[in-house]
Amino acid sequence: MVRTPLTPWERERGERFGALLRRARGDRSMVEVAAAAGVSAETLRKIETGRAPTPSFFTVSALAVALDVSLDTLASACADGVGEGEDRALTA
């Protein structure tokens, strides 16, 4: 199966999502959060660095639960045209 190349917007959205997860993780270790979400630390590392910009819904959902962040917050923070609102979304 050949994967369609990501658009620049999709790559940028993945980087924004990764940054959001890093902020939500705070002082917790990557290993701790990954274990709580049931994913590998390498998977979380790839998502946080933008190297895996399109994680599956179930991975995103598990990370949301582990980080105590709603899916609505994650979705709105990564929507088109959102940048500075990410920090507000985490504190709302």
N, C-alpha and C. Protein backbone atom coordinates (compact mmCIF):
# COMPACT_ATOMS: atom_id res chain seq x y z
N MET A 1 0.84 -1.17 0.00
CA MET A 1 0.00 0.00 0.00
C MET A 1 0.90 1.24 0.00
N VAL A 2 0.65 2.12 -0.94
CA VAL A 2 1.41 3.35 -1.05
C VAL A 2 0.68 4.45 -0.30
N ARG A 3 1.41 5.13 0.55
CA ARG A 3 0.81 6.21 1.33
C ARG A 3 0.94 7.52 0.57
N THR A 4 -0.15 8.26 0.48
CA THR A 4 -0.14 9.57 -0.17
C THR A 4 0.71 10.53 0.65
N PRO A 5 1.59 11.28 0.00
CA PRO A 5 2.42 12.25 0.75
C PRO A 5 1.54 13.27 1.48
N LEU A 6 2.01 13.66 2.65
CA LEU A 6 1.27 14.65 3.43
C LEU A 6 1.45 16.04 2.84
N THR A 7 0.43 16.83 2.97
CA THR A 7 0.51 18.23 2.53
C THR A 7 1.29 19.02 3.58
N PRO A 8 1.79 20.18 3.22
CA PRO A 8 2.46 21.02 4.22
C PRO A 8 1.55 21.33 5.41
N TRP A 9 0.26 21.54 5.15
CA TRP A 9 -0.67 21.82 6.25
C TRP A 9 -0.79 20.63 7.18
N GLU A 10 -0.84 19.41 6.63
CA GLU A 10 -0.94 18.22 7.46
C GLU A 10 0.31 18.04 8.31
N ARG A 11 1.47 18.32 7.74
CA ARG A 11 2.71 18.24 8.53
C ARG A 11 2.71 19.28 9.64
N GLU A 12 2.29 20.50 9.32
CA GLU A 12 2.25 21.57 10.33
C GLU A 12 1.25 21.24 11.43
N ARG A 13 0.12 20.68 11.06
CA ARG A 13 -0.89 20.29 12.05
C ARG A 13 -0.33 19.21 12.97
N GLY A 14 0.44 18.26 12.42
CA GLY A 14 1.06 17.22 13.23
C GLY A 14 2.06 17.79 14.22
N GLU A 15 2.83 18.78 13.77
CA GLU A 15 3.78 19.43 14.67
C GLU A 15 3.06 20.18 15.78
N ARG A 16 1.95 20.85 15.42
CA ARG A 16 1.16 21.57 16.42
C ARG A 16 0.57 20.60 17.44
N PHE A 17 0.09 19.46 16.95
CA PHE A 17 -0.48 18.45 17.83
C PHE A 17 0.58 17.90 18.78
N GLY A 18 1.77 17.63 18.26
CA GLY A 18 2.86 17.14 19.10
C GLY A 18 3.25 18.12 20.18
N ALA A 19 3.32 19.40 19.81
CA ALA A 19 3.64 20.44 20.80
C ALA A 19 2.57 20.51 21.88
N LEU A 20 1.33 20.36 21.48
CA LEU A 20 0.22 20.37 22.44
C LEU A 20 0.36 19.21 23.42
N LEU A 21 0.68 18.03 22.91
CA LEU A 21 0.85 16.87 23.79
C LEU A 21 2.02 17.07 24.75
N ARG A 22 3.12 17.64 24.26
CA ARG A 22 4.27 17.89 25.14
C ARG A 22 3.89 18.82 26.27
N ARG A 23 3.14 19.87 25.96
CA ARG A 23 2.71 20.81 27.02
C ARG A 23 1.76 20.13 27.99
N ALA A 24 0.85 19.31 27.48
CA ALA A 24 -0.11 18.61 28.34
C ALA A 24 0.61 17.60 29.24
N ARG A 25 1.68 17.01 28.73
CA ARG A 25 2.45 16.03 29.51
C ARG A 25 3.17 16.70 30.67
N GLY A 26 3.57 17.94 30.49
CA GLY A 26 4.22 18.68 31.57
C GLY A 26 5.47 18.00 32.07
N ASP A 27 5.55 17.77 33.38
CA ASP A 27 6.72 17.16 34.01
C ASP A 27 6.69 15.64 33.98
N ARG A 28 5.57 15.07 33.53
CA ARG A 28 5.49 13.60 33.48
C ARG A 28 6.43 13.08 32.40
N SER A 29 7.03 11.94 32.65
CA SER A 29 7.96 11.38 31.67
C SER A 29 7.19 10.82 30.47
N MET A 30 7.87 10.78 29.35
CA MET A 30 7.28 10.21 28.15
C MET A 30 6.93 8.74 28.37
N VAL A 31 7.79 8.03 29.07
CA VAL A 31 7.55 6.60 29.34
C VAL A 31 6.30 6.42 30.20
N GLU A 32 6.14 7.27 31.20
CA GLU A 32 4.98 7.19 32.09
C GLU A 32 3.67 7.42 31.32
N VAL A 33 3.65 8.46 30.50
CA VAL A 33 2.43 8.78 29.74
C VAL A 33 2.15 7.72 28.69
N ALA A 34 3.19 7.26 28.02
CA ALA A 34 3.01 6.22 27.00
C ALA A 34 2.44 4.96 27.64
N ALA A 35 2.98 4.55 28.78
CA ALA A 35 2.48 3.36 29.46
C ALA A 35 1.03 3.53 29.88
N ALA A 36 0.68 4.70 30.39
CA ALA A 36 -0.70 4.96 30.81
C ALA A 36 -1.65 4.91 29.62
N ALA A 37 -1.16 5.29 28.45
CA ALA A 37 -2.00 5.30 27.25
C ALA A 37 -1.97 3.95 26.52
N GLY A 38 -1.06 3.08 26.91
CA GLY A 38 -0.97 1.78 26.25
C GLY A 38 -0.29 1.84 24.89
N VAL A 39 0.61 2.82 24.71
CA VAL A 39 1.38 2.93 23.48
C VAL A 39 2.86 2.89 23.85
N SER A 40 3.70 2.66 22.87
CA SER A 40 5.14 2.64 23.17
C SER A 40 5.65 4.06 23.33
N ALA A 41 6.75 4.18 24.07
CA ALA A 41 7.38 5.50 24.23
C ALA A 41 7.85 6.01 22.87
N GLU A 42 8.28 5.11 21.99
CA GLU A 42 8.72 5.52 20.65
C GLU A 42 7.55 6.09 19.85
N THR A 43 6.38 5.51 19.97
CA THR A 43 5.20 6.05 19.28
C THR A 43 4.90 7.45 19.78
N LEU A 44 4.91 7.63 21.10
CA LEU A 44 4.66 8.96 21.66
C LEU A 44 5.73 9.94 21.22
N ARG A 45 6.98 9.51 21.20
CA ARG A 45 8.07 10.37 20.76
C ARG A 45 7.86 10.82 19.31
N LYS A 46 7.47 9.90 18.45
CA LYS A 46 7.23 10.23 17.05
C LYS A 46 6.07 11.22 16.90
N ILE A 47 5.02 11.04 17.68
CA ILE A 47 3.88 11.95 17.61
C ILE A 47 4.29 13.33 18.13
N GLU A 48 4.98 13.37 19.26
CA GLU A 48 5.37 14.65 19.86
C GLU A 48 6.34 15.44 18.99
N THR A 49 7.17 14.75 18.21
CA THR A 49 8.13 15.44 17.36
C THR A 49 7.59 15.72 15.97
N GLY A 50 6.38 15.27 15.68
CA GLY A 50 5.78 15.50 14.37
C GLY A 50 6.20 14.49 13.33
N ARG A 51 6.97 13.48 13.71
CA ARG A 51 7.39 12.45 12.76
C ARG A 51 6.25 11.47 12.45
N ALA A 52 5.21 11.47 13.27
CA ALA A 52 4.01 10.67 13.03
C ALA A 52 2.83 11.63 13.13
N PRO A 53 2.63 12.44 12.08
CA PRO A 53 1.65 13.53 12.17
C PRO A 53 0.19 13.10 12.06
N THR A 54 -0.07 11.84 11.76
CA THR A 54 -1.46 11.38 11.62
C THR A 54 -1.70 10.12 12.45
N PRO A 55 -1.61 10.22 13.78
CA PRO A 55 -1.84 9.04 14.62
C PRO A 55 -3.29 8.59 14.51
N SER A 56 -3.51 7.32 14.80
CA SER A 56 -4.87 6.77 14.72
C SER A 56 -5.77 7.39 15.79
N PHE A 57 -7.06 7.32 15.54
CA PHE A 57 -8.03 7.85 16.50
C PHE A 57 -7.86 7.18 17.87
N PHE A 58 -7.64 5.88 17.88
CA PHE A 58 -7.55 5.17 19.14
C PHE A 58 -6.30 5.57 19.92
N THR A 59 -5.22 5.87 19.22
CA THR A 59 -4.01 6.36 19.89
C THR A 59 -4.26 7.75 20.47
N VAL A 60 -4.87 8.61 19.69
CA VAL A 60 -5.19 9.96 20.18
C VAL A 60 -6.12 9.89 21.38
N SER A 61 -7.13 9.03 21.29
CA SER A 61 -8.08 8.88 22.38
C SER A 61 -7.39 8.38 23.66
N ALA A 62 -6.52 7.41 23.52
CA ALA A 62 -5.81 6.88 24.69
C ALA A 62 -4.90 7.93 25.30
N LEU A 63 -4.24 8.72 24.47
CA LEU A 63 -3.38 9.79 24.98
C LEU A 63 -4.21 10.87 25.68
N ALA A 64 -5.37 11.17 25.13
CA ALA A 64 -6.25 12.17 25.75
C ALA A 64 -6.64 11.72 27.16
N VAL A 65 -6.98 10.45 27.31
CA VAL A 65 -7.35 9.93 28.63
C VAL A 65 -6.15 9.97 29.57
N ALA A 66 -5.00 9.52 29.08
CA ALA A 66 -3.79 9.49 29.93
C ALA A 66 -3.36 10.89 30.37
N LEU A 67 -3.62 11.88 29.52
CA LEU A 67 -3.22 13.26 29.83
C LEU A 67 -4.34 14.09 30.43
N ASP A 68 -5.52 13.48 30.57
CA ASP A 68 -6.70 14.16 31.10
C ASP A 68 -7.02 15.42 30.29
N VAL A 69 -7.02 15.26 28.98
CA VAL A 69 -7.36 16.33 28.04
C VAL A 69 -8.50 15.81 27.17
N SER A 70 -9.53 16.61 26.98
CA SER A 70 -10.67 16.14 26.18
C SER A 70 -10.32 16.08 24.70
N LEU A 71 -10.99 15.20 23.99
CA LEU A 71 -10.81 15.12 22.54
C LEU A 71 -11.23 16.42 21.88
N ASP A 72 -12.25 17.07 22.42
CA ASP A 72 -12.67 18.37 21.88
C ASP A 72 -11.55 19.39 21.98
N THR A 73 -10.86 19.40 23.10
CA THR A 73 -9.74 20.32 23.28
C THR A 73 -8.64 20.04 22.27
N LEU A 74 -8.31 18.77 22.10
CA LEU A 74 -7.27 18.41 21.12
C LEU A 74 -7.69 18.80 19.71
N ALA A 75 -8.92 18.51 19.37
CA ALA A 75 -9.39 18.81 18.01
C ALA A 75 -9.41 20.31 17.75
N SER A 76 -9.91 21.09 18.70
CA SER A 76 -9.99 22.53 18.46
C SER A 76 -8.61 23.17 18.43
N ALA A 77 -7.68 22.65 19.21
CA ALA A 77 -6.33 23.20 19.23
C ALA A 77 -5.58 22.89 17.94
N CYS A 78 -5.99 21.87 17.23
CA CYS A 78 -5.29 21.48 16.00
C CYS A 78 -6.07 21.85 14.75
N ALA A 79 -7.17 22.55 14.91
CA ALA A 79 -7.98 22.94 13.76
C ALA A 79 -7.23 23.96 12.91
N ASP A 80 -7.63 24.08 11.68
CA ASP A 80 -7.01 25.03 10.75
C ASP A 80 -7.08 26.44 11.31
N GLY A 81 -5.96 27.14 11.25
CA GLY A 81 -5.91 28.53 11.66
C GLY A 81 -5.70 28.75 13.14
N VAL A 82 -5.54 27.67 13.90
CA VAL A 82 -5.33 27.81 15.34
C VAL A 82 -3.84 27.78 15.61
N GLY A 83 -3.37 28.67 16.42
CA GLY A 83 -1.96 28.67 16.78
C GLY A 83 -1.81 29.01 18.24
N GLU A 84 -2.01 30.26 18.56
CA GLU A 84 -1.84 30.72 19.92
C GLU A 84 -2.91 30.20 20.85
N GLY A 85 -4.03 29.72 20.33
CA GLY A 85 -5.12 29.22 21.17
C GLY A 85 -4.81 27.90 21.84
N GLU A 86 -3.71 27.25 21.48
CA GLU A 86 -3.39 25.97 22.07
C GLU A 86 -3.23 26.06 23.58
N ASP A 87 -2.51 27.07 24.04
CA ASP A 87 -2.31 27.19 25.48
C ASP A 87 -3.63 27.45 26.20
N ARG A 88 -4.47 28.28 25.61
CA ARG A 88 -5.78 28.54 26.23
C ARG A 88 -6.60 27.26 26.28
N ALA A 89 -6.53 26.43 25.26
CA ALA A 89 -7.31 25.20 25.22
C ALA A 89 -6.91 24.25 26.34
N LEU A 90 -5.64 24.24 26.71
CA LEU A 90 -5.19 23.34 27.78
C LEU A 90 -5.59 23.85 29.15
N THR A 91 -5.81 25.13 29.31
CA THR A 91 -6.14 25.66 30.62
C THR A 91 -7.63 25.87 30.79
N ALA A 92 -8.40 25.63 29.75
CA ALA A 92 -9.86 25.84 29.84
C ALA A 92 -10.52 24.73 30.61
